[in-house]
Amino acid sequence: MYEILDDGFFPPFQHLLFAVEQVRPDRAALMTRRELEELK
């Protein structure tokens, strides 16, 4: 996991919807779309 070194404008997540490593750009978009569909 990463730690932010300069967090003056990087607030913590209220709710992490998802996190994934080693993802291609097209899969990143698809995963984001699916998660956001749940939020309507």
PDB file of all heavy atoms in Angstrom:
ATOM      1  N   MET A   1       0.841  -1.190   0.000  1.00  0.00           N
ATOM      2  CA  MET A   1       0.000   0.000   0.000  1.00  0.00           C
ATOM      3  C   MET A   1       0.877   1.242   0.000  1.00  0.00           C
ATOM      4  O   MET A   1       1.947   1.237   0.572  1.00  0.00           O
ATOM      5  CB  MET A   1      -0.903  -0.022   1.223  1.00  0.00           C
ATOM      6  CG  MET A   1      -1.925   1.075   1.223  1.00  0.00           C
ATOM      7  SD  MET A   1      -2.931   1.068  -0.259  1.00  0.00           S
ATOM      8  CE  MET A   1      -4.527   1.087   0.434  1.00  0.00           C
ATOM      9  N   TYR A   2       0.393   2.269  -0.632  1.00  0.00           N
ATOM     10  CA  TYR A   2       1.143   3.509  -0.718  1.00  0.00           C
ATOM     11  C   TYR A   2       0.788   4.451   0.432  1.00  0.00           C
ATOM     12  O   TYR A   2      -0.311   4.423   0.967  1.00  0.00           O
ATOM     13  CB  TYR A   2       0.811   4.231  -2.031  1.00  0.00           C
ATOM     14  CG  TYR A   2       1.470   3.624  -3.234  1.00  0.00           C
ATOM     15  CD1 TYR A   2       0.838   2.645  -3.971  1.00  0.00           C
ATOM     16  CD2 TYR A   2       2.721   4.053  -3.634  1.00  0.00           C
ATOM     17  CE1 TYR A   2       1.440   2.099  -5.092  1.00  0.00           C
ATOM     18  CE2 TYR A   2       3.329   3.518  -4.754  1.00  0.00           C
ATOM     19  CZ  TYR A   2       2.682   2.547  -5.474  1.00  0.00           C
ATOM     20  OH  TYR A   2       3.279   2.018  -6.577  1.00  0.00           O
ATOM     21  N   GLU A   3       1.730   5.297   0.758  1.00  0.00           N
ATOM     22  CA  GLU A   3       1.509   6.364   1.735  1.00  0.00           C
ATOM     23  C   GLU A   3       1.763   7.684   1.027  1.00  0.00           C
ATOM     24  O   GLU A   3       2.772   7.838   0.332  1.00  0.00           O
ATOM     25  CB  GLU A   3       2.500   6.197   2.899  1.00  0.00           C
ATOM     26  CG  GLU A   3       2.461   7.330   3.879  1.00  0.00           C
ATOM     27  CD  GLU A   3       3.581   7.215   4.914  1.00  0.00           C
ATOM     28  OE1 GLU A   3       4.197   6.147   5.018  1.00  0.00           O
ATOM     29  OE2 GLU A   3       3.831   8.209   5.589  1.00  0.00           O
ATOM     30  N   ILE A   4       0.838   8.635   1.171  1.00  0.00           N
ATOM     31  CA  ILE A   4       0.983   9.937   0.526  1.00  0.00           C
ATOM     32  C   ILE A   4       1.954  10.779   1.339  1.00  0.00           C
ATOM     33  O   ILE A   4       1.813  10.917   2.547  1.00  0.00           O
ATOM     34  CB  ILE A   4      -0.372  10.663   0.418  1.00  0.00           C
ATOM     35  CG1 ILE A   4      -1.399   9.778  -0.287  1.00  0.00           C
ATOM     36  CG2 ILE A   4      -0.228  12.001  -0.294  1.00  0.00           C
ATOM     37  CD1 ILE A   4      -0.990   9.309  -1.644  1.00  0.00           C
ATOM     38  N   LEU A   5       2.944  11.362   0.671  1.00  0.00           N
ATOM     39  CA  LEU A   5       3.943  12.147   1.369  1.00  0.00           C
ATOM     40  C   LEU A   5       3.518  13.595   1.565  1.00  0.00           C
ATOM     41  O   LEU A   5       3.931  14.241   2.502  1.00  0.00           O
ATOM     42  CB  LEU A   5       5.274  12.091   0.615  1.00  0.00           C
ATOM     43  CG  LEU A   5       5.861  10.685   0.454  1.00  0.00           C
ATOM     44  CD1 LEU A   5       7.173  10.751  -0.302  1.00  0.00           C
ATOM     45  CD2 LEU A   5       6.047  10.018   1.800  1.00  0.00           C
ATOM     46  N   ASP A   6       2.703  14.133   0.666  1.00  0.00           N
ATOM     47  CA  ASP A   6       2.241  15.515   0.772  1.00  0.00           C
ATOM     48  C   ASP A   6       0.724  15.490   0.714  1.00  0.00           C
ATOM     49  O   ASP A   6       0.127  15.544  -0.348  1.00  0.00           O
ATOM     50  CB  ASP A   6       2.803  16.344  -0.379  1.00  0.00           C
ATOM     51  CG  ASP A   6       2.338  17.785  -0.337  1.00  0.00           C
ATOM     52  OD1 ASP A   6       1.574  18.150   0.580  1.00  0.00           O
ATOM     53  OD2 ASP A   6       2.736  18.553  -1.217  1.00  0.00           O
ATOM     54  N   ASP A   7       0.092  15.368   1.876  1.00  0.00           N
ATOM     55  CA  ASP A   7      -1.355  15.161   1.882  1.00  0.00           C
ATOM     56  C   ASP A   7      -2.150  16.414   2.222  1.00  0.00           C
ATOM     57  O   ASP A   7      -3.264  16.322   2.707  1.00  0.00           O
ATOM     58  CB  ASP A   7      -1.723  14.022   2.841  1.00  0.00           C
ATOM     59  CG  ASP A   7      -1.369  14.346   4.284  1.00  0.00           C
ATOM     60  OD1 ASP A   7      -0.677  15.342   4.523  1.00  0.00           O
ATOM     61  OD2 ASP A   7      -1.797  13.609   5.164  1.00  0.00           O
ATOM     62  N   GLY A   8      -1.624  17.580   1.956  1.00  0.00           N
ATOM     63  CA  GLY A   8      -2.332  18.806   2.261  1.00  0.00           C
ATOM     64  C   GLY A   8      -3.674  18.932   1.545  1.00  0.00           C
ATOM     65  O   GLY A   8      -4.598  19.550   2.053  1.00  0.00           O
ATOM     66  N   PHE A   9      -3.811  18.330   0.353  1.00  0.00           N
ATOM     67  CA  PHE A   9      -5.044  18.445  -0.417  1.00  0.00           C
ATOM     68  C   PHE A   9      -5.523  17.067  -0.864  1.00  0.00           C
ATOM     69  O   PHE A   9      -6.166  16.914  -1.879  1.00  0.00           O
ATOM     70  CB  PHE A   9      -4.797  19.349  -1.631  1.00  0.00           C
ATOM     71  CG  PHE A   9      -6.047  19.904  -2.235  1.00  0.00           C
ATOM     72  CD1 PHE A   9      -6.914  20.687  -1.491  1.00  0.00           C
ATOM     73  CD2 PHE A   9      -6.362  19.656  -3.553  1.00  0.00           C
ATOM     74  CE1 PHE A   9      -8.065  21.195  -2.063  1.00  0.00           C
ATOM     75  CE2 PHE A   9      -7.515  20.168  -4.129  1.00  0.00           C
ATOM     76  CZ  PHE A   9      -8.359  20.940  -3.379  1.00  0.00           C
ATOM     77  N   PHE A  10      -5.174  16.047  -0.092  1.00  0.00           N
ATOM     78  CA  PHE A  10      -5.500  14.669  -0.449  1.00  0.00           C
ATOM     79  C   PHE A  10      -6.221  14.019   0.724  1.00  0.00           C
ATOM     80  O   PHE A  10      -5.622  13.264   1.493  1.00  0.00           O
ATOM     81  CB  PHE A  10      -4.217  13.899  -0.786  1.00  0.00           C
ATOM     82  CG  PHE A  10      -4.458  12.608  -1.511  1.00  0.00           C
ATOM     83  CD1 PHE A  10      -4.689  12.600  -2.873  1.00  0.00           C
ATOM     84  CD2 PHE A  10      -4.450  11.407  -0.840  1.00  0.00           C
ATOM     85  CE1 PHE A  10      -4.901  11.401  -3.557  1.00  0.00           C
ATOM     86  CE2 PHE A  10      -4.660  10.204  -1.507  1.00  0.00           C
ATOM     87  CZ  PHE A  10      -4.888  10.213  -2.865  1.00  0.00           C
ATOM     88  N   PRO A  11      -7.526  14.336   0.890  1.00  0.00           N
ATOM     89  CA  PRO A  11      -8.251  13.812   2.054  1.00  0.00           C
ATOM     90  C   PRO A  11      -8.464  12.306   1.955  1.00  0.00           C
ATOM     91  O   PRO A  11      -8.470  11.750   0.858  1.00  0.00           O
ATOM     92  CB  PRO A  11      -9.590  14.554   1.991  1.00  0.00           C
ATOM     93  CG  PRO A  11      -9.768  14.897   0.558  1.00  0.00           C
ATOM     94  CD  PRO A  11      -8.376  15.135   0.020  1.00  0.00           C
ATOM     95  N   PRO A  12      -8.620  11.642   3.092  1.00  0.00           N
ATOM     96  CA  PRO A  12      -8.854  10.199   3.072  1.00  0.00           C
ATOM     97  C   PRO A  12     -10.219   9.885   2.464  1.00  0.00           C
ATOM     98  O   PRO A  12     -11.132  10.714   2.463  1.00  0.00           O
ATOM     99  CB  PRO A  12      -8.813   9.811   4.550  1.00  0.00           C
ATOM    100  CG  PRO A  12      -9.167  11.066   5.271  1.00  0.00           C
ATOM    101  CD  PRO A  12      -8.648  12.195   4.438  1.00  0.00           C
ATOM    102  N   PHE A  13     -10.365   8.666   1.965  1.00  0.00           N
ATOM    103  CA  PHE A  13     -11.656   8.244   1.433  1.00  0.00           C
ATOM    104  C   PHE A  13     -12.669   8.155   2.569  1.00  0.00           C
ATOM    105  O   PHE A  13     -12.364   7.654   3.643  1.00  0.00           O
ATOM    106  CB  PHE A  13     -11.559   6.856   0.771  1.00  0.00           C
ATOM    107  CG  PHE A  13     -10.933   6.879  -0.590  1.00  0.00           C
ATOM    108  CD1 PHE A  13      -9.684   6.317  -0.796  1.00  0.00           C
ATOM    109  CD2 PHE A  13     -11.594   7.439  -1.673  1.00  0.00           C
ATOM    110  CE1 PHE A  13      -9.107   6.311  -2.056  1.00  0.00           C
ATOM    111  CE2 PHE A  13     -11.033   7.445  -2.936  1.00  0.00           C
ATOM    112  CZ  PHE A  13      -9.780   6.881  -3.123  1.00  0.00           C
ATOM    113  N   GLN A  14     -13.880   8.647   2.316  1.00  0.00           N
ATOM    114  CA  GLN A  14     -14.998   8.385   3.224  1.00  0.00           C
ATOM    115  C   GLN A  14     -15.418   6.936   3.042  1.00  0.00           C
ATOM    116  O   GLN A  14     -15.696   6.232   3.989  1.00  0.00           O
ATOM    117  CB  GLN A  14     -16.183   9.305   2.914  1.00  0.00           C
ATOM    118  CG  GLN A  14     -15.941  10.757   3.206  1.00  0.00           C
ATOM    119  CD  GLN A  14     -17.100  11.619   2.730  1.00  0.00           C
ATOM    120  OE1 GLN A  14     -17.674  11.380   1.672  1.00  0.00           O
ATOM    121  NE2 GLN A  14     -17.439  12.624   3.503  1.00  0.00           N
ATOM    122  N   HIS A  15     -15.481   6.538   1.764  1.00  0.00           N
ATOM    123  CA  HIS A  15     -15.875   5.167   1.427  1.00  0.00           C
ATOM    124  C   HIS A  15     -15.104   4.759   0.183  1.00  0.00           C
ATOM    125  O   HIS A  15     -15.252   5.374  -0.876  1.00  0.00           O
ATOM    126  CB  HIS A  15     -17.386   5.102   1.172  1.00  0.00           C
ATOM    127  CG  HIS A  15     -17.875   3.737   0.813  1.00  0.00           C
ATOM    128  ND1 HIS A  15     -17.809   2.674   1.676  1.00  0.00           N
ATOM    129  CD2 HIS A  15     -18.406   3.263  -0.332  1.00  0.00           C
ATOM    130  CE1 HIS A  15     -18.301   1.599   1.070  1.00  0.00           C
ATOM    131  NE2 HIS A  15     -18.665   1.928  -0.150  1.00  0.00           N
ATOM    132  N   LEU A  16     -14.263   3.739   0.305  1.00  0.00           N
ATOM    133  CA  LEU A  16     -13.531   3.225  -0.840  1.00  0.00           C
ATOM    134  C   LEU A  16     -14.457   2.297  -1.611  1.00  0.00           C
ATOM    135  O   LEU A  16     -14.905   1.282  -1.088  1.00  0.00           O
ATOM    136  CB  LEU A  16     -12.282   2.468  -0.374  1.00  0.00           C
ATOM    137  CG  LEU A  16     -11.393   1.899  -1.485  1.00  0.00           C
ATOM    138  CD1 LEU A  16     -10.799   3.016  -2.341  1.00  0.00           C
ATOM    139  CD2 LEU A  16     -10.284   1.047  -0.872  1.00  0.00           C
ATOM    140  N   LEU A  17     -14.785   2.654  -2.833  1.00  0.00           N
ATOM    141  CA  LEU A  17     -15.682   1.844  -3.642  1.00  0.00           C
ATOM    142  C   LEU A  17     -14.966   0.600  -4.160  1.00  0.00           C
ATOM    143  O   LEU A  17     -15.503  -0.493  -4.116  1.00  0.00           O
ATOM    144  CB  LEU A  17     -16.247   2.660  -4.797  1.00  0.00           C
ATOM    145  CG  LEU A  17     -17.065   3.888  -4.391  1.00  0.00           C
ATOM    146  CD1 LEU A  17     -17.430   4.721  -5.606  1.00  0.00           C
ATOM    147  CD2 LEU A  17     -18.308   3.472  -3.623  1.00  0.00           C
ATOM    148  N   PHE A  18     -13.753   0.773  -4.675  1.00  0.00           N
ATOM    149  CA  PHE A  18     -12.937  -0.380  -5.048  1.00  0.00           C
ATOM    150  C   PHE A  18     -11.498   0.054  -5.257  1.00  0.00           C
ATOM    151  O   PHE A  18     -11.198   1.226  -5.458  1.00  0.00           O
ATOM    152  CB  PHE A  18     -13.478  -1.098  -6.289  1.00  0.00           C
ATOM    153  CG  PHE A  18     -13.261  -0.373  -7.588  1.00  0.00           C
ATOM    154  CD1 PHE A  18     -12.127  -0.585  -8.349  1.00  0.00           C
ATOM    155  CD2 PHE A  18     -14.224   0.504  -8.069  1.00  0.00           C
ATOM    156  CE1 PHE A  18     -11.942   0.080  -9.552  1.00  0.00           C
ATOM    157  CE2 PHE A  18     -14.056   1.165  -9.270  1.00  0.00           C
ATOM    158  CZ  PHE A  18     -12.896   0.956 -10.018  1.00  0.00           C
ATOM    159  N   ALA A  19     -10.604  -0.911  -5.175  1.00  0.00           N
ATOM    160  CA  ALA A  19      -9.186  -0.703  -5.456  1.00  0.00           C
ATOM    161  C   ALA A  19      -8.697  -1.938  -6.199  1.00  0.00           C
ATOM    162  O   ALA A  19      -9.106  -3.060  -5.887  1.00  0.00           O
ATOM    163  CB  ALA A  19      -8.403  -0.515  -4.165  1.00  0.00           C
ATOM    164  N   VAL A  20      -7.863  -1.731  -7.179  1.00  0.00           N
ATOM    165  CA  VAL A  20      -7.348  -2.849  -7.972  1.00  0.00           C
ATOM    166  C   VAL A  20      -5.940  -2.494  -8.449  1.00  0.00           C
ATOM    167  O   VAL A  20      -5.644  -1.331  -8.707  1.00  0.00           O
ATOM    168  CB  VAL A  20      -8.296  -3.168  -9.155  1.00  0.00           C
ATOM    169  CG1 VAL A  20      -8.386  -2.010 -10.123  1.00  0.00           C
ATOM    170  CG2 VAL A  20      -7.898  -4.441  -9.865  1.00  0.00           C
ATOM    171  N   GLU A  21      -5.099  -3.503  -8.522  1.00  0.00           N
ATOM    172  CA  GLU A  21      -3.742  -3.305  -9.015  1.00  0.00           C
ATOM    173  C   GLU A  21      -3.568  -3.996 -10.359  1.00  0.00           C
ATOM    174  O   GLU A  21      -4.308  -4.911 -10.700  1.00  0.00           O
ATOM    175  CB  GLU A  21      -2.729  -3.839  -7.999  1.00  0.00           C
ATOM    176  CG  GLU A  21      -2.768  -3.046  -6.709  1.00  0.00           C
ATOM    177  CD  GLU A  21      -1.683  -3.418  -5.731  1.00  0.00           C
ATOM    178  OE1 GLU A  21      -0.768  -4.180  -6.098  1.00  0.00           O
ATOM    179  OE2 GLU A  21      -1.756  -2.936  -4.597  1.00  0.00           O
ATOM    180  N   GLN A  22      -2.570  -3.532 -11.110  1.00  0.00           N
ATOM    181  CA  GLN A  22      -2.210  -4.120 -12.401  1.00  0.00           C
ATOM    182  C   GLN A  22      -3.403  -4.161 -13.352  1.00  0.00           C
ATOM    183  O   GLN A  22      -3.689  -5.170 -13.975  1.00  0.00           O
ATOM    184  CB  GLN A  22      -1.674  -5.530 -12.215  1.00  0.00           C
ATOM    185  CG  GLN A  22      -0.239  -5.725 -11.939  1.00  0.00           C
ATOM    186  CD  GLN A  22       0.405  -4.957 -10.799  1.00  0.00           C
ATOM    187  OE1 GLN A  22      -0.029  -3.902 -10.361  1.00  0.00           O
ATOM    188  NE2 GLN A  22       1.497  -5.472 -10.334  1.00  0.00           N
ATOM    189  N   VAL A  23      -4.132  -3.069 -13.472  1.00  0.00           N
ATOM    190  CA  VAL A  23      -5.325  -3.027 -14.315  1.00  0.00           C
ATOM    191  C   VAL A  23      -5.023  -2.241 -15.596  1.00  0.00           C
ATOM    192  O   VAL A  23      -4.326  -1.231 -15.549  1.00  0.00           O
ATOM    193  CB  VAL A  23      -6.524  -2.419 -13.547  1.00  0.00           C
ATOM    194  CG1 VAL A  23      -6.280  -0.966 -13.184  1.00  0.00           C
ATOM    195  CG2 VAL A  23      -7.806  -2.562 -14.330  1.00  0.00           C
ATOM    196  N   ARG A  24      -5.530  -2.721 -16.723  1.00  0.00           N
ATOM    197  CA  ARG A  24      -5.384  -2.016 -17.991  1.00  0.00           C
ATOM    198  C   ARG A  24      -6.386  -0.863 -18.034  1.00  0.00           C
ATOM    199  O   ARG A  24      -7.414  -0.897 -17.366  1.00  0.00           O
ATOM    200  CB  ARG A  24      -5.639  -2.961 -19.153  1.00  0.00           C
ATOM    201  CG  ARG A  24      -4.621  -4.068 -19.270  1.00  0.00           C
ATOM    202  CD  ARG A  24      -4.837  -4.892 -20.530  1.00  0.00           C
ATOM    203  NE  ARG A  24      -6.212  -4.961 -20.950  1.00  0.00           N
ATOM    204  CZ  ARG A  24      -6.878  -6.084 -21.184  1.00  0.00           C
ATOM    205  NH1 ARG A  24      -6.295  -7.245 -21.029  1.00  0.00           N
ATOM    206  NH2 ARG A  24      -8.121  -6.067 -21.590  1.00  0.00           N
ATOM    207  N   PRO A  25      -6.122   0.150 -18.860  1.00  0.00           N
ATOM    208  CA  PRO A  25      -7.036   1.293 -18.948  1.00  0.00           C
ATOM    209  C   PRO A  25      -8.474   0.920 -19.309  1.00  0.00           C
ATOM    210  O   PRO A  25      -9.420   1.441 -18.716  1.00  0.00           O
ATOM    211  CB  PRO A  25      -6.400   2.169 -20.030  1.00  0.00           C
ATOM    212  CG  PRO A  25      -4.960   1.828 -19.981  1.00  0.00           C
ATOM    213  CD  PRO A  25      -4.906   0.368 -19.651  1.00  0.00           C
ATOM    214  N   ASP A  26      -8.665   0.013 -20.272  1.00  0.00           N
ATOM    215  CA  ASP A  26     -10.019  -0.359 -20.671  1.00  0.00           C
ATOM    216  C   ASP A  26     -10.757  -1.058 -19.530  1.00  0.00           C
ATOM    217  O   ASP A  26     -11.941  -0.818 -19.295  1.00  0.00           O
ATOM    218  CB  ASP A  26     -10.003  -1.222 -21.936  1.00  0.00           C
ATOM    219  CG  ASP A  26      -9.204  -2.508 -21.787  1.00  0.00           C
ATOM    220  OD1 ASP A  26      -8.213  -2.528 -21.032  1.00  0.00           O
ATOM    221  OD2 ASP A  26      -9.566  -3.508 -22.442  1.00  0.00           O
ATOM    222  N   ARG A  27     -10.066  -1.915 -18.779  1.00  0.00           N
ATOM    223  CA  ARG A  27     -10.676  -2.600 -17.633  1.00  0.00           C
ATOM    224  C   ARG A  27     -10.954  -1.612 -16.507  1.00  0.00           C
ATOM    225  O   ARG A  27     -11.946  -1.740 -15.799  1.00  0.00           O
ATOM    226  CB  ARG A  27      -9.765  -3.723 -17.132  1.00  0.00           C
ATOM    227  CG  ARG A  27      -9.560  -4.842 -18.120  1.00  0.00           C
ATOM    228  CD  ARG A  27     -10.765  -5.726 -18.289  1.00  0.00           C
ATOM    229  NE  ARG A  27     -11.152  -6.281 -17.007  1.00  0.00           N
ATOM    230  CZ  ARG A  27     -12.390  -6.595 -16.663  1.00  0.00           C
ATOM    231  NH1 ARG A  27     -13.371  -6.437 -17.521  1.00  0.00           N
ATOM    232  NH2 ARG A  27     -12.666  -7.085 -15.485  1.00  0.00           N
ATOM    233  N   ALA A  28     -10.084  -0.624 -16.347  1.00  0.00           N
ATOM    234  CA  ALA A  28     -10.301   0.396 -15.316  1.00  0.00           C
ATOM    235  C   ALA A  28     -11.603   1.144 -15.580  1.00  0.00           C
ATOM    236  O   ALA A  28     -12.405   1.381 -14.668  1.00  0.00           O
ATOM    237  CB  ALA A  28      -9.125   1.369 -15.275  1.00  0.00           C
ATOM    238  N   ALA A  29     -11.823   1.505 -16.838  1.00  0.00           N
ATOM    239  CA  ALA A  29     -13.055   2.213 -17.198  1.00  0.00           C
ATOM    240  C   ALA A  29     -14.274   1.333 -16.964  1.00  0.00           C
ATOM    241  O   ALA A  29     -15.286   1.785 -16.412  1.00  0.00           O
ATOM    242  CB  ALA A  29     -12.989   2.668 -18.654  1.00  0.00           C
ATOM    243  N   LEU A  30     -14.198   0.071 -17.373  1.00  0.00           N
ATOM    244  CA  LEU A  30     -15.322  -0.851 -17.203  1.00  0.00           C
ATOM    245  C   LEU A  30     -15.646  -1.083 -15.728  1.00  0.00           C
ATOM    246  O   LEU A  30     -16.813  -1.043 -15.324  1.00  0.00           O
ATOM    247  CB  LEU A  30     -15.010  -2.187 -17.891  1.00  0.00           C
ATOM    248  CG  LEU A  30     -16.103  -3.248 -17.816  1.00  0.00           C
ATOM    249  CD1 LEU A  30     -17.364  -2.784 -18.513  1.00  0.00           C
ATOM    250  CD2 LEU A  30     -15.600  -4.550 -18.435  1.00  0.00           C
ATOM    251  N   MET A  31     -14.633  -1.303 -14.914  1.00  0.00           N
ATOM    252  CA  MET A  31     -14.855  -1.514 -13.481  1.00  0.00           C
ATOM    253  C   MET A  31     -15.464  -0.275 -12.836  1.00  0.00           C
ATOM    254  O   MET A  31     -16.355  -0.376 -11.992  1.00  0.00           O
ATOM    255  CB  MET A  31     -13.545  -1.875 -12.791  1.00  0.00           C
ATOM    256  CG  MET A  31     -12.993  -3.208 -13.227  1.00  0.00           C
ATOM    257  SD  MET A  31     -11.345  -3.507 -12.558  1.00  0.00           S
ATOM    258  CE  MET A  31     -11.766  -3.780 -10.848  1.00  0.00           C
ATOM    259  N   THR A  32     -14.977   0.886 -13.234  1.00  0.00           N
ATOM    260  CA  THR A  32     -15.516   2.138 -12.692  1.00  0.00           C
ATOM    261  C   THR A  32     -16.976   2.300 -13.083  1.00  0.00           C
ATOM    262  O   THR A  32     -17.818   2.638 -12.257  1.00  0.00           O
ATOM    263  CB  THR A  32     -14.677   3.330 -13.182  1.00  0.00           C
ATOM    264  OG1 THR A  32     -13.320   3.133 -12.773  1.00  0.00           O
ATOM    265  CG2 THR A  32     -15.199   4.634 -12.611  1.00  0.00           C
ATOM    266  N   ARG A  33     -17.291   2.039 -14.357  1.00  0.00           N
ATOM    267  CA  ARG A  33     -18.674   2.145 -14.817  1.00  0.00           C
ATOM    268  C   ARG A  33     -19.599   1.231 -14.024  1.00  0.00           C
ATOM    269  O   ARG A  33     -20.669   1.643 -13.566  1.00  0.00           O
ATOM    270  CB  ARG A  33     -18.773   1.797 -16.302  1.00  0.00           C
ATOM    271  CG  ARG A  33     -20.214   1.888 -16.830  1.00  0.00           C
ATOM    272  CD  ARG A  33     -20.365   1.430 -18.278  1.00  0.00           C
ATOM    273  NE  ARG A  33     -19.253   1.823 -19.099  1.00  0.00           N
ATOM    274  CZ  ARG A  33     -18.690   1.023 -20.008  1.00  0.00           C
ATOM    275  NH1 ARG A  33     -19.128  -0.192 -20.205  1.00  0.00           N
ATOM    276  NH2 ARG A  33     -17.677   1.449 -20.732  1.00  0.00           N
ATOM    277  N   ARG A  34     -19.191  -0.003 -13.840  1.00  0.00           N
ATOM    278  CA  ARG A  34     -20.032  -0.963 -13.098  1.00  0.00           C
ATOM    279  C   ARG A  34     -20.260  -0.529 -11.656  1.00  0.00           C
ATOM    280  O   ARG A  34     -21.363  -0.665 -11.129  1.00  0.00           O
ATOM    281  CB  ARG A  34     -19.406  -2.343 -13.146  1.00  0.00           C
ATOM    282  CG  ARG A  34     -19.542  -2.979 -14.507  1.00  0.00           C
ATOM    283  CD  ARG A  34     -19.019  -4.377 -14.517  1.00  0.00           C
ATOM    284  NE  ARG A  34     -19.206  -4.976 -15.832  1.00  0.00           N
ATOM    285  CZ  ARG A  34     -18.502  -5.974 -16.284  1.00  0.00           C
ATOM    286  NH1 ARG A  34     -17.565  -6.524 -15.542  1.00  0.00           N
ATOM    287  NH2 ARG A  34     -18.733  -6.460 -17.492  1.00  0.00           N
ATOM    288  N   GLU A  35     -19.222  -0.027 -11.015  1.00  0.00           N
ATOM    289  CA  GLU A  35     -19.368   0.413  -9.627  1.00  0.00           C
ATOM    290  C   GLU A  35     -20.288   1.631  -9.546  1.00  0.00           C
ATOM    291  O   GLU A  35     -21.137   1.723  -8.660  1.00  0.00           O
ATOM    292  CB  GLU A  35     -18.002   0.740  -9.025  1.00  0.00           C
ATOM    293  CG  GLU A  35     -18.036   1.003  -7.552  1.00  0.00           C
ATOM    294  CD  GLU A  35     -18.472  -0.204  -6.735  1.00  0.00           C
ATOM    295  OE1 GLU A  35     -18.060  -1.345  -7.048  1.00  0.00           O
ATOM    296  OE2 GLU A  35     -19.247  -0.001  -5.774  1.00  0.00           O
ATOM    297  N   LEU A  36     -20.155   2.548 -10.486  1.00  0.00           N
ATOM    298  CA  LEU A  36     -20.973   3.759 -10.453  1.00  0.00           C
ATOM    299  C   LEU A  36     -22.427   3.481 -10.804  1.00  0.00           C
ATOM    300  O   LEU A  36     -23.322   4.205 -10.357  1.00  0.00           O
ATOM    301  CB  LEU A  36     -20.385   4.828 -11.375  1.00  0.00           C
ATOM    302  CG  LEU A  36     -18.995   5.324 -10.966  1.00  0.00           C
ATOM    303  CD1 LEU A  36     -18.499   6.356 -11.956  1.00  0.00           C
ATOM    304  CD2 LEU A  36     -18.978   5.872  -9.557  1.00  0.00           C
ATOM    305  N   GLU A  37     -22.687   2.434 -11.595  1.00  0.00           N
ATOM    306  CA  GLU A  37     -24.071   2.055 -11.888  1.00  0.00           C
ATOM    307  C   GLU A  37     -24.804   1.701 -10.599  1.00  0.00           C
ATOM    308  O   GLU A  37     -25.991   1.994 -10.447  1.00  0.00           O
ATOM    309  CB  GLU A  37     -24.112   0.874 -12.861  1.00  0.00           C
ATOM    310  CG  GLU A  37     -23.798   1.265 -14.286  1.00  0.00           C
ATOM    311  CD  GLU A  37     -23.670   0.072 -15.222  1.00  0.00           C
ATOM    312  OE1 GLU A  37     -23.747  -1.092 -14.759  1.00  0.00           O
ATOM    313  OE2 GLU A  37     -23.470   0.311 -16.424  1.00  0.00           O
ATOM    314  N   GLU A  38     -24.081   1.101  -9.659  1.00  0.00           N
ATOM    315  CA  GLU A  38     -24.681   0.751  -8.367  1.00  0.00           C
ATOM    316  C   GLU A  38     -25.098   1.999  -7.582  1.00  0.00           C
ATOM    317  O   GLU A  38     -26.035   1.969  -6.803  1.00  0.00           O
ATOM    318  CB  GLU A  38     -23.701  -0.073  -7.526  1.00  0.00           C
ATOM    319  CG  GLU A  38     -23.310  -1.396  -8.142  1.00  0.00           C
ATOM    320  CD  GLU A  38     -24.474  -2.373  -8.177  1.00  0.00           C
ATOM    321  OE1 GLU A  38     -25.229  -2.430  -7.188  1.00  0.00           O
ATOM    322  OE2 GLU A  38     -24.634  -3.063  -9.201  1.00  0.00           O
ATOM    323  N   LEU A  39     -24.388   3.100  -7.789  1.00  0.00           N
ATOM    324  CA  LEU A  39     -24.689   4.345  -7.071  1.00  0.00           C
ATOM    325  C   LEU A  39     -25.811   5.145  -7.721  1.00  0.00           C
ATOM    326  O   LEU A  39     -26.285   6.119  -7.150  1.00  0.00           O
ATOM    327  CB  LEU A  39     -23.427   5.219  -6.987  1.00  0.00           C
ATOM    328  CG  LEU A  39     -22.253   4.641  -6.214  1.00  0.00           C
ATOM    329  CD1 LEU A  39     -21.082   5.613  -6.249  1.00  0.00           C
ATOM    330  CD2 LEU A  39     -22.649   4.311  -4.785  1.00  0.00           C
ATOM    331  N   LYS A  40     -26.185   4.746  -8.950  1.00  0.00           N
ATOM    332  CA  LYS A  40     -27.250   5.428  -9.698  1.00  0.00           C
ATOM    333  C   LYS A  40     -26.975   6.941  -9.842  1.00  0.00           C
ATOM    334  O   LYS A  40     -27.844   7.771  -9.625  1.00  0.00           O
ATOM    335  CB  LYS A  40     -28.610   5.164  -9.054  1.00  0.00           C
ATOM    336  CG  LYS A  40     -28.951   3.674  -8.997  1.00  0.00           C
ATOM    337  CD  LYS A  40     -30.351   3.441  -8.543  1.00  0.00           C
ATOM    338  CE  LYS A  40     -30.738   2.011  -8.354  1.00  0.00           C
ATOM    339  NZ  LYS A  40     -30.168   0.990  -9.133  1.00  0.00           N
TER     340      LYS A  40
END
